[in-house]
Amino acid sequence: MTAGSPARAARSRPRRELALLLLLGAAGAGLAVLATRQGWARVETAAPRPLPASVTTVTGQALVPAAGALALAALAGLAAILATRRALRRIAAVLVAALGAGLALAVGAGISAADVLAAAAAGAPGNPGAAAGSGVGSTTAGSGGPAGPAGSPVSGLSGHVVFVSFPWRPIAFAGALAVVAAGVLAAWRAQRLPVMSSRFDPPSRPAGAEAAEPAVPAGGRGYQGDSAAMWESLSRGEDPTGPE
């Protein structure tokens, strides 16, 4: 092992820490978005023969509309953590942690059968019973909620709400916790995490140094420092390099 290996490893450790931290938050937000796009409940409506029974799938996004927006905002906050430094980085990290906490509260809140029926009705504007159903049906509890009475999504027909949120709802909650962890870790390690490379920043001018002006040739006009004056002289037919 060379003498520079320990120093090189010490310099690369903060970079790996930042990469893992951002990957944790991005994976958590991505899992939350993916999980909310899946079906969390079904509304099964029995119809008299010969009409077929209908099954309406309600996604987590329809039940928790704020979840997707919070997850996307958390992704933007992770980009801000990468682009900022010092105090601004800590503020961005705290914001990411707060967004993750809000996402966890949103996906972890209780969802009733009435919420499912309302979301199903909102997703089917052409349904004649979307605004209000006159029938009352039973609720079949799956892996996600208790049973109870619920109004039918179609007027006069018996509807059953079946919760099928497992495993998507726990996955969304785990993703939210990952976003919280990424924000907390970034706020804690804000001063030690590396910042973006400054290789594309304009070079700094030494203190007291003045911009070098091109020398004016003897006997010539001093247009080298003023390109506008040179073009004006050319438009008048004058030679800007000739003697005055």
C-alpha atoms as a PDB file:
ATOM      1  CA  MET A   1       0.000   0.000   0.000  1.00  0.00           C
ATOM      2  CA  THR A   2       1.401   3.390  -0.982  1.00  0.00           C
ATOM      3  CA  ALA A   3       1.690   6.298   1.414  1.00  0.00           C
ATOM      4  CA  GLY A   4      -1.091   8.205  -0.357  1.00  0.00           C
ATOM      5  CA  SER A   5      -3.639   5.408  -0.097  1.00  0.00           C
ATOM      6  CA  PRO A   6      -4.986   6.326   3.392  1.00  0.00           C
ATOM      7  CA  ALA A   7      -5.341   9.976   2.388  1.00  0.00           C
ATOM      8  CA  ARG A   8      -7.090   9.006  -0.845  1.00  0.00           C
ATOM      9  CA  ALA A   9      -9.481   6.742   1.041  1.00  0.00           C
ATOM     10  CA  ALA A  10     -10.214   9.517   3.532  1.00  0.00           C
ATOM     11  CA  ARG A  11     -11.078  11.898   0.687  1.00  0.00           C
ATOM     12  CA  SER A  12     -13.323   9.390  -1.097  1.00  0.00           C
ATOM     13  CA  ARG A  13     -15.273   8.425   2.038  1.00  0.00           C
ATOM     14  CA  PRO A  14     -17.382  11.647   2.146  1.00  0.00           C
ATOM     15  CA  ARG A  15     -18.175  11.241  -1.556  1.00  0.00           C
ATOM     16  CA  ARG A  16     -19.427   7.703  -1.019  1.00  0.00           C
ATOM     17  CA  GLU A  17     -21.425   8.886   1.981  1.00  0.00           C
ATOM     18  CA  LEU A  18     -23.102  11.616  -0.074  1.00  0.00           C
ATOM     19  CA  ALA A  19     -23.835   9.206  -2.925  1.00  0.00           C
ATOM     20  CA  LEU A  20     -25.374   6.620  -0.588  1.00  0.00           C
ATOM     21  CA  LEU A  21     -27.402   9.302   1.172  1.00  0.00           C
ATOM     22  CA  LEU A  22     -28.848  10.637  -2.078  1.00  0.00           C
ATOM     23  CA  LEU A  23     -29.478   7.098  -3.316  1.00  0.00           C
ATOM     24  CA  LEU A  24     -31.366   6.286  -0.113  1.00  0.00           C
ATOM     25  CA  GLY A  25     -33.630   9.307  -0.461  1.00  0.00           C
ATOM     26  CA  ALA A  26     -34.202   8.827  -4.200  1.00  0.00           C
ATOM     27  CA  ALA A  27     -34.998   5.133  -3.738  1.00  0.00           C
ATOM     28  CA  GLY A  28     -37.430   5.940  -0.939  1.00  0.00           C
ATOM     29  CA  ALA A  29     -39.260   8.593  -2.978  1.00  0.00           C
ATOM     30  CA  GLY A  30     -39.318   6.310  -6.032  1.00  0.00           C
ATOM     31  CA  LEU A  31     -40.767   3.437  -4.022  1.00  0.00           C
ATOM     32  CA  ALA A  32     -43.457   5.731  -2.633  1.00  0.00           C
ATOM     33  CA  VAL A  33     -44.425   6.916  -6.122  1.00  0.00           C
ATOM     34  CA  LEU A  34     -44.455   3.342  -7.449  1.00  0.00           C
ATOM     35  CA  ALA A  35     -46.515   2.036  -4.532  1.00  0.00           C
ATOM     36  CA  THR A  36     -49.149   4.773  -4.789  1.00  0.00           C
ATOM     37  CA  ARG A  37     -49.702   3.936  -8.459  1.00  0.00           C
ATOM     38  CA  GLN A  38     -50.861   0.424  -7.509  1.00  0.00           C
ATOM     39  CA  GLY A  39     -54.342  -0.675  -6.514  1.00  0.00           C
ATOM     40  CA  TRP A  40     -55.058  -0.252  -2.817  1.00  0.00           C
ATOM     41  CA  ALA A  41     -58.745  -1.192  -2.868  1.00  0.00           C
ATOM     42  CA  ARG A  42     -61.487  -2.595  -5.077  1.00  0.00           C
ATOM     43  CA  VAL A  43     -65.138  -1.757  -5.315  1.00  0.00           C
ATOM     44  CA  GLU A  44     -67.080  -4.852  -6.382  1.00  0.00           C
ATOM     45  CA  THR A  45     -70.641  -4.157  -7.492  1.00  0.00           C
ATOM     46  CA  ALA A  46     -73.088  -6.998  -8.072  1.00  0.00           C
ATOM     47  CA  ALA A  47     -75.651  -6.424 -10.801  1.00  0.00           C
ATOM     48  CA  PRO A  48     -78.805  -8.404 -11.605  1.00  0.00           C
ATOM     49  CA  ARG A  49     -78.552 -10.833 -14.470  1.00  0.00           C
ATOM     50  CA  PRO A  50     -77.873 -10.600 -17.339  1.00  0.00           C
ATOM     51  CA  LEU A  51     -75.807  -7.549 -16.395  1.00  0.00           C
ATOM     52  CA  PRO A  52     -72.215  -8.441 -15.438  1.00  0.00           C
ATOM     53  CA  ALA A  53     -70.733  -7.537 -12.092  1.00  0.00           C
ATOM     54  CA  SER A  54     -68.301  -4.624 -12.119  1.00  0.00           C
ATOM     55  CA  VAL A  55     -64.994  -4.257 -10.290  1.00  0.00           C
ATOM     56  CA  THR A  56     -63.407  -0.841  -9.875  1.00  0.00           C
ATOM     57  CA  THR A  57     -59.782  -0.655  -8.744  1.00  0.00           C
ATOM     58  CA  VAL A  58     -58.815   2.385  -6.692  1.00  0.00           C
ATOM     59  CA  THR A  59     -55.137   3.305  -6.587  1.00  0.00           C
ATOM     60  CA  GLY A  60     -53.247   4.736  -3.658  1.00  0.00           C
ATOM     61  CA  GLN A  61     -52.798   7.990  -5.581  1.00  0.00           C
ATOM     62  CA  ALA A  62     -56.578   8.361  -5.798  1.00  0.00           C
ATOM     63  CA  LEU A  63     -56.926   7.693  -2.069  1.00  0.00           C
ATOM     64  CA  VAL A  64     -53.939   9.824  -0.988  1.00  0.00           C
ATOM     65  CA  PRO A  65     -53.537  12.548  -3.651  1.00  0.00           C
ATOM     66  CA  ALA A  66     -50.844  14.378  -1.698  1.00  0.00           C
ATOM     67  CA  ALA A  67     -48.485  11.368  -1.627  1.00  0.00           C
ATOM     68  CA  GLY A  68     -47.203  11.731  -5.184  1.00  0.00           C
ATOM     69  CA  ALA A  69     -46.647  15.474  -4.845  1.00  0.00           C
ATOM     70  CA  LEU A  70     -44.734  15.023  -1.593  1.00  0.00           C
ATOM     71  CA  ALA A  71     -42.517  12.326  -3.108  1.00  0.00           C
ATOM     72  CA  LEU A  72     -41.680  14.473  -6.152  1.00  0.00           C
ATOM     73  CA  ALA A  73     -40.958  17.463  -3.905  1.00  0.00           C
ATOM     74  CA  ALA A  74     -38.606  15.274  -1.870  1.00  0.00           C
ATOM     75  CA  LEU A  75     -36.715  14.373  -5.064  1.00  0.00           C
ATOM     76  CA  ALA A  76     -36.331  18.069  -5.835  1.00  0.00           C
ATOM     77  CA  GLY A  77     -35.077  18.619  -2.294  1.00  0.00           C
ATOM     78  CA  LEU A  78     -32.429  15.917  -2.789  1.00  0.00           C
ATOM     79  CA  ALA A  79     -31.210  17.764  -5.877  1.00  0.00           C
ATOM     80  CA  ALA A  80     -31.012  20.930  -3.770  1.00  0.00           C
ATOM     81  CA  ILE A  81     -28.890  19.081  -1.204  1.00  0.00           C
ATOM     82  CA  LEU A  82     -26.453  18.139  -3.955  1.00  0.00           C
ATOM     83  CA  ALA A  83     -26.276  21.669  -5.374  1.00  0.00           C
ATOM     84  CA  THR A  84     -25.998  23.671  -2.144  1.00  0.00           C
ATOM     85  CA  ARG A  85     -23.520  23.878   0.696  1.00  0.00           C
ATOM     86  CA  ARG A  86     -23.234  24.810   4.372  1.00  0.00           C
ATOM     87  CA  ALA A  87     -26.351  26.519   5.788  1.00  0.00           C
ATOM     88  CA  LEU A  88     -28.410  26.217   2.591  1.00  0.00           C
ATOM     89  CA  ARG A  89     -27.642  22.506   2.430  1.00  0.00           C
ATOM     90  CA  ARG A  90     -28.816  22.031   6.013  1.00  0.00           C
ATOM     91  CA  ILE A  91     -32.052  23.926   5.264  1.00  0.00           C
ATOM     92  CA  ALA A  92     -32.672  21.757   2.182  1.00  0.00           C
ATOM     93  CA  ALA A  93     -32.003  18.616   4.221  1.00  0.00           C
ATOM     94  CA  VAL A  94     -34.453  19.637   6.935  1.00  0.00           C
ATOM     95  CA  LEU A  95     -37.043  20.340   4.237  1.00  0.00           C
ATOM     96  CA  VAL A  96     -36.496  16.873   2.747  1.00  0.00           C
ATOM     97  CA  ALA A  97     -36.954  15.280   6.174  1.00  0.00           C
ATOM     98  CA  ALA A  98     -40.179  17.263   6.673  1.00  0.00           C
ATOM     99  CA  LEU A  99     -41.482  16.170   3.274  1.00  0.00           C
ATOM    100  CA  GLY A 100     -40.702  12.558   4.135  1.00  0.00           C
ATOM    101  CA  ALA A 101     -42.553  12.881   7.433  1.00  0.00           C
ATOM    102  CA  GLY A 102     -45.564  14.354   5.648  1.00  0.00           C
ATOM    103  CA  LEU A 103     -45.455  11.506   3.139  1.00  0.00           C
ATOM    104  CA  ALA A 104     -45.370   8.940   5.957  1.00  0.00           C
ATOM    105  CA  LEU A 105     -48.360  10.581   7.650  1.00  0.00           C
ATOM    106  CA  ALA A 106     -50.281  10.684   4.367  1.00  0.00           C
ATOM    107  CA  VAL A 107     -49.827   7.022   3.457  1.00  0.00           C
ATOM    108  CA  GLY A 108     -50.180   5.847   7.062  1.00  0.00           C
ATOM    109  CA  ALA A 109     -53.474   7.634   7.768  1.00  0.00           C
ATOM    110  CA  GLY A 110     -56.622   5.584   8.039  1.00  0.00           C
ATOM    111  CA  ILE A 111     -58.642   4.985   4.883  1.00  0.00           C
ATOM    112  CA  SER A 112     -62.309   4.159   5.268  1.00  0.00           C
ATOM    113  CA  ALA A 113     -64.692   2.424   2.917  1.00  0.00           C
ATOM    114  CA  ALA A 114     -66.409   5.741   2.320  1.00  0.00           C
ATOM    115  CA  ASP A 115     -63.074   7.173   1.126  1.00  0.00           C
ATOM    116  CA  VAL A 116     -62.719   4.305  -1.338  1.00  0.00           C
ATOM    117  CA  LEU A 117     -66.238   4.757  -2.659  1.00  0.00           C
ATOM    118  CA  ALA A 118     -65.735   8.486  -3.029  1.00  0.00           C
ATOM    119  CA  ALA A 119     -62.489   7.956  -4.942  1.00  0.00           C
ATOM    120  CA  ALA A 120     -64.149   5.349  -7.170  1.00  0.00           C
ATOM    121  CA  ALA A 121     -67.048   7.692  -7.878  1.00  0.00           C
ATOM    122  CA  ALA A 122     -64.679  10.563  -8.652  1.00  0.00           C
ATOM    123  CA  GLY A 123     -62.803   8.361 -11.107  1.00  0.00           C
ATOM    124  CA  ALA A 124     -65.981   7.461 -12.996  1.00  0.00           C
ATOM    125  CA  PRO A 125     -67.733  10.738 -13.899  1.00  0.00           C
ATOM    126  CA  GLY A 126     -69.983   8.959 -16.395  1.00  0.00           C
ATOM    127  CA  ASN A 127     -71.420   6.670 -13.728  1.00  0.00           C
ATOM    128  CA  PRO A 128     -75.064   7.624 -13.102  1.00  0.00           C
ATOM    129  CA  GLY A 129     -74.623   6.928  -9.399  1.00  0.00           C
ATOM    130  CA  ALA A 130     -71.284   8.735  -9.061  1.00  0.00           C
ATOM    131  CA  ALA A 131     -72.727  11.732  -7.274  1.00  0.00           C
ATOM    132  CA  ALA A 132     -74.737   9.776  -4.734  1.00  0.00           C
ATOM    133  CA  GLY A 133     -75.859   6.168  -4.387  1.00  0.00           C
ATOM    134  CA  SER A 134     -79.200   5.208  -2.947  1.00  0.00           C
ATOM    135  CA  GLY A 135     -78.246   1.629  -2.139  1.00  0.00           C
ATOM    136  CA  VAL A 136     -76.260   0.512   0.915  1.00  0.00           C
ATOM    137  CA  GLY A 137     -73.960  -2.482   0.715  1.00  0.00           C
ATOM    138  CA  SER A 138     -71.551  -4.276   2.989  1.00  0.00           C
ATOM    139  CA  THR A 139     -67.796  -3.798   3.233  1.00  0.00           C
ATOM    140  CA  THR A 140     -65.434  -6.736   3.062  1.00  0.00           C
ATOM    141  CA  ALA A 141     -62.188  -6.018   4.891  1.00  0.00           C
ATOM    142  CA  GLY A 142     -58.991  -7.180   3.256  1.00  0.00           C
ATOM    143  CA  SER A 143     -55.430  -6.456   4.381  1.00  0.00           C
ATOM    144  CA  GLY A 144     -55.877  -2.829   5.240  1.00  0.00           C
ATOM    145  CA  GLY A 145     -59.034  -1.814   7.062  1.00  0.00           C
ATOM    146  CA  PRO A 146     -62.048  -2.768   9.156  1.00  0.00           C
ATOM    147  CA  ALA A 147     -65.392  -3.800   7.805  1.00  0.00           C
ATOM    148  CA  GLY A 148     -68.384  -1.508   7.864  1.00  0.00           C
ATOM    149  CA  PRO A 149     -71.348  -0.306   5.838  1.00  0.00           C
ATOM    150  CA  ALA A 150     -70.733   1.602   2.685  1.00  0.00           C
ATOM    151  CA  GLY A 151     -72.871   3.172   0.000  1.00  0.00           C
ATOM    152  CA  SER A 152     -72.971   1.504  -3.369  1.00  0.00           C
ATOM    153  CA  PRO A 153     -71.123   3.255  -6.219  1.00  0.00           C
ATOM    154  CA  VAL A 154     -74.081   2.480  -8.479  1.00  0.00           C
ATOM    155  CA  SER A 155     -77.543   3.527  -7.436  1.00  0.00           C
ATOM    156  CA  GLY A 156     -79.693   0.594  -6.352  1.00  0.00           C
ATOM    157  CA  LEU A 157     -76.901  -1.979  -6.496  1.00  0.00           C
ATOM    158  CA  SER A 158     -75.001  -3.634  -3.680  1.00  0.00           C
ATOM    159  CA  GLY A 159     -71.318  -2.735  -3.503  1.00  0.00           C
ATOM    160  CA  HIS A 160     -68.460  -4.257  -1.519  1.00  0.00           C
ATOM    161  CA  VAL A 161     -65.173  -2.535  -0.729  1.00  0.00           C
ATOM    162  CA  VAL A 162     -62.173  -4.846  -0.533  1.00  0.00           C
ATOM    163  CA  PHE A 163     -58.875  -3.474   0.730  1.00  0.00           C
ATOM    164  CA  VAL A 164     -55.922  -4.923  -1.181  1.00  0.00           C
ATOM    165  CA  SER A 165     -53.229  -2.433  -0.224  1.00  0.00           C
ATOM    166  CA  PHE A 166     -50.718  -5.042   0.967  1.00  0.00           C
ATOM    167  CA  PRO A 167     -47.808  -4.897   0.248  1.00  0.00           C
ATOM    168  CA  TRP A 168     -47.935  -1.554  -1.553  1.00  0.00           C
ATOM    169  CA  ARG A 169     -49.019   0.590   1.347  1.00  0.00           C
ATOM    170  CA  PRO A 170     -46.250  -0.704   3.673  1.00  0.00           C
ATOM    171  CA  ILE A 171     -43.762  -0.199   0.832  1.00  0.00           C
ATOM    172  CA  ALA A 172     -44.893   3.418   0.447  1.00  0.00           C
ATOM    173  CA  PHE A 173     -44.523   3.935   4.197  1.00  0.00           C
ATOM    174  CA  ALA A 174     -41.018   2.404   4.148  1.00  0.00           C
ATOM    175  CA  GLY A 175     -40.085   4.692   1.262  1.00  0.00           C
ATOM    176  CA  ALA A 176     -41.262   7.700   3.249  1.00  0.00           C
ATOM    177  CA  LEU A 177     -39.117   6.623   6.210  1.00  0.00           C
ATOM    178  CA  ALA A 178     -36.126   6.316   3.859  1.00  0.00           C
ATOM    179  CA  VAL A 179     -36.693   9.919   2.722  1.00  0.00           C
ATOM    180  CA  VAL A 180     -36.827  11.049   6.354  1.00  0.00           C
ATOM    181  CA  ALA A 181     -33.594   9.202   7.127  1.00  0.00           C
ATOM    182  CA  ALA A 182     -31.842  10.758   4.127  1.00  0.00           C
ATOM    183  CA  GLY A 183     -32.907  14.249   5.168  1.00  0.00           C
ATOM    184  CA  VAL A 184     -31.850  13.779   8.775  1.00  0.00           C
ATOM    185  CA  LEU A 185     -28.460  12.352   7.808  1.00  0.00           C
ATOM    186  CA  ALA A 186     -27.849  15.163   5.314  1.00  0.00           C
ATOM    187  CA  ALA A 187     -28.686  17.787   7.936  1.00  0.00           C
ATOM    188  CA  TRP A 188     -26.394  16.101  10.449  1.00  0.00           C
ATOM    189  CA  ARG A 189     -23.467  15.744   8.032  1.00  0.00           C
ATOM    190  CA  ALA A 190     -24.025  18.938   6.045  1.00  0.00           C
ATOM    191  CA  GLN A 191     -20.642  20.446   6.905  1.00  0.00           C
ATOM    192  CA  ARG A 192     -18.654  17.270   6.160  1.00  0.00           C
ATOM    193  CA  LEU A 193     -20.295  16.220   2.918  1.00  0.00           C
ATOM    194  CA  PRO A 194     -18.469  17.307  -0.254  1.00  0.00           C
ATOM    195  CA  VAL A 195     -19.850  20.002  -2.518  1.00  0.00           C
ATOM    196  CA  MET A 196     -20.171  20.038  -6.280  1.00  0.00           C
ATOM    197  CA  SER A 197     -16.952  20.465  -8.222  1.00  0.00           C
ATOM    198  CA  SER A 198     -15.932  24.040  -9.005  1.00  0.00           C
ATOM    199  CA  ARG A 199     -13.945  23.110 -12.127  1.00  0.00           C
ATOM    200  CA  PHE A 200     -16.374  25.063 -14.289  1.00  0.00           C
ATOM    201  CA  ASP A 201     -16.331  28.200 -12.132  1.00  0.00           C
ATOM    202  CA  PRO A 202     -14.650  31.269 -13.715  1.00  0.00           C
ATOM    203  CA  PRO A 203     -11.037  31.666 -12.554  1.00  0.00           C
ATOM    204  CA  SER A 204     -10.630  34.101  -9.723  1.00  0.00           C
ATOM    205  CA  ARG A 205      -8.467  37.180 -10.348  1.00  0.00           C
ATOM    206  CA  PRO A 206      -5.652  37.799  -7.869  1.00  0.00           C
ATOM    207  CA  ALA A 207      -6.207  40.642  -5.445  1.00  0.00           C
ATOM    208  CA  GLY A 208      -5.037  43.965  -6.838  1.00  0.00           C
ATOM    209  CA  ALA A 209      -4.650  42.632 -10.348  1.00  0.00           C
ATOM    210  CA  GLU A 210      -6.119  44.744 -13.105  1.00  0.00           C
ATOM    211  CA  ALA A 211      -7.314  43.557 -16.472  1.00  0.00           C
ATOM    212  CA  ALA A 212      -4.570  43.951 -19.028  1.00  0.00           C
ATOM    213  CA  GLU A 213      -5.476  46.387 -21.756  1.00  0.00           C
ATOM    214  CA  PRO A 214      -3.997  45.940 -25.211  1.00  0.00           C
ATOM    215  CA  ALA A 215      -1.268  48.348 -25.987  1.00  0.00           C
ATOM    216  CA  VAL A 216      -2.079  51.197 -28.352  1.00  0.00           C
ATOM    217  CA  PRO A 217       0.404  51.304 -31.201  1.00  0.00           C
ATOM    218  CA  ALA A 218       2.318  54.497 -31.648  1.00  0.00           C
ATOM    219  CA  GLY A 219       0.633  56.836 -34.048  1.00  0.00           C
ATOM    220  CA  GLY A 220      -2.504  54.707 -34.199  1.00  0.00           C
ATOM    221  CA  ARG A 221      -5.993  55.299 -33.002  1.00  0.00           C
ATOM    222  CA  GLY A 222      -6.927  53.912 -29.602  1.00  0.00           C
ATOM    223  CA  TYR A 223      -9.793  51.654 -30.684  1.00  0.00           C
ATOM    224  CA  GLN A 224      -8.430  48.442 -29.268  1.00  0.00           C
ATOM    225  CA  GLY A 225     -10.258  48.932 -25.955  1.00  0.00           C
ATOM    226  CA  ASP A 226     -13.503  50.135 -27.566  1.00  0.00           C
ATOM    227  CA  SER A 227     -14.882  47.834 -30.249  1.00  0.00           C
ATOM    228  CA  ALA A 228     -18.033  49.949 -30.674  1.00  0.00           C
ATOM    229  CA  ALA A 229     -15.969  53.014 -31.614  1.00  0.00           C
ATOM    230  CA  MET A 230     -13.947  50.939 -34.068  1.00  0.00           C
ATOM    231  CA  TRP A 231     -17.088  49.719 -35.872  1.00  0.00           C
ATOM    232  CA  GLU A 232     -18.451  53.273 -35.994  1.00  0.00           C
ATOM    233  CA  SER A 233     -15.237  54.476 -37.634  1.00  0.00           C
ATOM    234  CA  LEU A 234     -15.423  51.643 -40.179  1.00  0.00           C
ATOM    235  CA  SER A 235     -19.005  52.592 -41.026  1.00  0.00           C
ATOM    236  CA  ARG A 236     -17.820  56.160 -41.723  1.00  0.00           C
ATOM    237  CA  GLY A 237     -15.144  54.846 -44.068  1.00  0.00           C
ATOM    238  CA  GLU A 238     -12.224  55.663 -41.775  1.00  0.00           C
ATOM    239  CA  ASP A 239      -9.234  53.431 -41.140  1.00  0.00           C
ATOM    240  CA  PRO A 240      -9.141  52.736 -37.374  1.00  0.00           C
ATOM    241  CA  THR A 241      -5.507  51.643 -37.558  1.00  0.00           C
ATOM    242  CA  GLY A 242      -4.241  54.650 -39.443  1.00  0.00           C
ATOM    243  CA  PRO A 243      -2.632  57.735 -37.926  1.00  0.00           C
ATOM    244  CA  GLU A 244      -4.865  60.431 -36.539  1.00  0.00           C
END
